[in-house]
Protein backbone atom coordinates (compact mmCIF):
# COMPACT_ATOMS: atom_id res chain seq x y z
CA MET A 1 113.04 120.76 106.20
CA THR A 2 109.72 119.81 104.72
CA THR A 3 106.40 119.99 106.50
CA THR A 4 104.90 117.12 108.50
CA SER A 5 102.07 116.55 105.99
CA LYS A 6 104.58 116.34 103.13
CA ASN A 7 106.70 113.89 105.19
CA VAL A 8 103.65 111.75 105.91
CA GLN A 9 102.69 111.70 102.22
CA MET A 10 106.26 110.79 101.21
CA ILE A 11 106.46 107.97 103.75
CA LEU A 12 103.01 106.57 102.88
CA ASN A 13 103.79 106.66 99.15
CA GLY A 14 107.23 105.18 99.79
CA THR A 15 105.72 102.43 101.96
CA ILE A 16 103.20 101.52 99.24
CA SER A 17 106.04 101.41 96.71
CA SER A 18 108.15 99.33 99.08
CA LEU A 19 105.34 96.86 99.84
CA SER A 20 104.70 96.46 96.10
CA THR A 21 108.40 95.78 95.53
CA VAL A 22 108.84 93.33 98.42
CA ILE A 23 105.53 91.42 98.30
CA PRO A 24 104.89 89.57 95.02
CA VAL A 25 101.11 89.57 95.52
CA LYS A 26 98.59 92.00 94.01
CA LEU A 27 97.91 94.76 96.57
CA ASP A 28 94.80 96.93 96.75
CA VAL A 29 95.60 100.08 98.73
CA LEU A 30 92.53 101.48 100.47
CA ALA A 31 92.01 105.05 101.66
CA PRO A 32 94.32 106.16 104.49
CA SER A 33 92.81 107.64 107.64
CA MET A 34 94.01 109.25 110.83
CA THR A 35 93.77 107.38 114.08
CA VAL A 36 94.41 108.24 117.73
CA GLN A 37 95.90 106.19 120.52
CA PRO A 38 95.62 103.53 121.54
CA TYR A 39 96.07 101.58 118.33
CA GLU A 40 94.92 98.01 118.87
CA GLN A 41 96.39 95.09 116.99
CA MET A 42 94.52 91.82 117.10
CA GLU A 43 97.11 89.20 116.21
CA LEU A 44 100.58 90.02 114.89
CA SER A 45 102.67 93.05 113.93
CA VAL A 46 106.18 94.34 113.40
CA LEU A 47 107.27 97.75 114.68
CA ILE A 48 110.22 99.63 113.22
CA GLY A 49 111.55 102.97 114.44
CA LEU A 50 112.37 105.66 111.89
CA VAL A 51 115.18 108.13 112.61
CA GLY A 52 116.96 110.74 110.53
CA ASP A 53 115.27 113.54 108.59
CA ILE A 54 111.93 112.09 109.71
CA LYS A 55 111.31 110.59 113.14
CA GLY A 56 108.50 108.19 113.80
CA ARG A 57 107.46 104.57 113.74
CA LEU A 58 106.21 102.20 111.11
CA LEU A 59 103.98 99.35 112.22
CA ILE A 60 102.86 96.59 109.88
CA ASP A 61 99.83 94.85 111.38
CA VAL A 62 99.02 91.47 109.82
CA THR A 63 97.43 88.12 110.53
CA GLU A 64 99.22 84.77 110.53
CA GLU A 65 97.12 83.88 107.48
CA ALA A 66 98.36 86.98 105.61
CA ILE A 67 101.96 86.18 106.58
CA ASP A 68 101.49 82.66 105.24
CA VAL A 69 100.11 84.01 101.92
CA ILE A 70 103.04 86.45 101.61
CA GLY A 71 105.60 83.79 102.55
CA GLN A 72 104.17 81.27 100.10
CA SER A 73 104.25 83.86 97.31
CA MET A 74 107.87 84.74 98.11
CA PHE A 75 109.36 81.35 98.96
CA GLY A 76 106.82 78.76 97.80
CA MET A 77 106.54 77.29 101.28
CA LYS A 78 104.10 77.44 104.19
CA ILE A 79 105.01 79.88 106.97
CA GLU A 80 103.95 78.36 110.27
CA GLY A 81 105.04 77.74 113.87
CA GLU A 82 108.18 79.58 114.99
CA MET A 83 108.74 80.82 111.43
CA VAL A 84 105.73 83.17 111.68
CA GLU A 85 107.36 85.67 114.08
CA SER A 86 110.75 85.40 112.39
CA PHE A 87 109.33 86.00 108.93
CA THR A 88 107.14 88.87 110.20
CA GLY A 89 110.26 90.62 111.55
CA GLU A 90 112.13 89.98 108.32
CA LEU A 91 109.22 91.29 106.25
CA GLY A 92 109.27 94.49 108.33
CA ASN A 93 113.03 94.78 107.78
CA MET A 94 112.67 94.34 104.01
CA VAL A 95 109.83 96.86 103.71
CA ALA A 96 111.50 99.49 105.94
CA GLY A 97 114.91 98.99 104.30
CA ASN A 98 113.35 99.41 100.87
CA LEU A 99 111.51 102.50 102.16
CA CYS A 100 114.87 104.05 103.15
CA THR A 101 116.13 103.50 99.60
CA VAL A 102 112.97 104.96 98.04
CA LEU A 103 113.12 108.06 100.26
CA GLU A 104 116.87 108.51 99.71
CA ASN A 105 116.08 108.95 96.01
CA ASP A 106 113.87 111.89 97.11
CA GLY A 107 116.70 113.36 99.19
CA VAL A 108 115.39 112.18 102.56
CA LYS A 109 117.92 110.50 104.85
CA LEU A 110 116.29 107.83 106.97
CA ASP A 111 117.55 105.05 109.19
CA ILE A 112 115.61 102.23 110.83
CA SER A 113 115.73 100.39 114.13
CA PRO A 114 115.80 96.60 114.33
CA PRO A 115 112.28 95.17 114.05
CA THR A 116 110.20 94.45 117.13
CA VAL A 117 107.61 91.70 116.57
CA MET A 118 104.49 91.80 118.74
CA THR A 119 102.00 88.96 119.01
CA GLY A 120 98.52 88.68 120.47
CA LYS A 121 96.05 91.42 121.23
CA THR A 122 98.15 94.51 121.96
CA LYS A 123 97.46 98.20 122.45
CA MET A 124 100.03 100.74 121.33
CA TYR A 125 100.29 104.11 123.07
CA GLY A 126 102.85 106.92 122.94
CA PHE A 127 101.89 108.88 119.85
CA LYS A 128 99.76 111.97 119.27
CA GLN A 129 98.42 110.99 115.88
CA ALA A 130 98.95 108.25 113.41
CA PHE A 131 98.05 107.47 109.84
CA LYS A 132 96.46 104.13 109.11
CA LEU A 133 96.80 102.63 105.64
CA PRO A 134 94.72 99.48 105.04
CA ILE A 135 95.93 97.20 102.25
CA GLN A 136 94.06 94.21 100.90
CA LEU A 137 96.15 91.36 99.58
CA GLU A 138 95.04 89.29 96.61
CA GLY A 139 92.71 86.66 98.09
CA GLY A 140 91.18 89.02 100.66
CA ASN A 141 93.68 89.04 103.54
CA MET A 142 94.31 92.44 105.09
CA LEU A 143 97.50 94.16 106.15
CA THR A 144 97.47 97.53 107.92
CA VAL A 145 100.34 99.99 107.93
CA LEU A 146 100.37 102.44 110.83
CA LEU A 147 102.69 105.45 110.57
CA THR A 148 103.37 107.64 113.58
CA ILE A 149 105.36 110.84 113.16
CA ASP A 150 107.22 112.35 116.12
CA GLU A 151 107.56 116.12 115.93
CA GLY A 152 111.03 117.62 115.88
């Protein structure tokens, strides 16, 4: 079994690769940082549990505007109303599913939980430490990936 820091690096790199594969918009990955609880989202996010060789959670924190930009780039249509939450969950599914494939190529077995979409201002507790990866989409919208690793 590899070390936690190696797992974190593998997941962050895999997530960047996955986001680049899934989202057809130029991404500018900014420097990752550690963060402590609570993590506070302002508007919209999707949470996916990671189980298998690595246990943790992947949270993709976005704005409705960013979701609309991503949706328009993928489908050529505006993402609004009830479609926002649905598409956010689906985006999380696509990114996490792709992440499993990327990591499997590195010999890491990973499974994901169904996505949980959270809206509004929300605080997330229940983790010791987390890694925050800010990503700027072409046009200036931000997307933040939060990775929590559970020991054991």
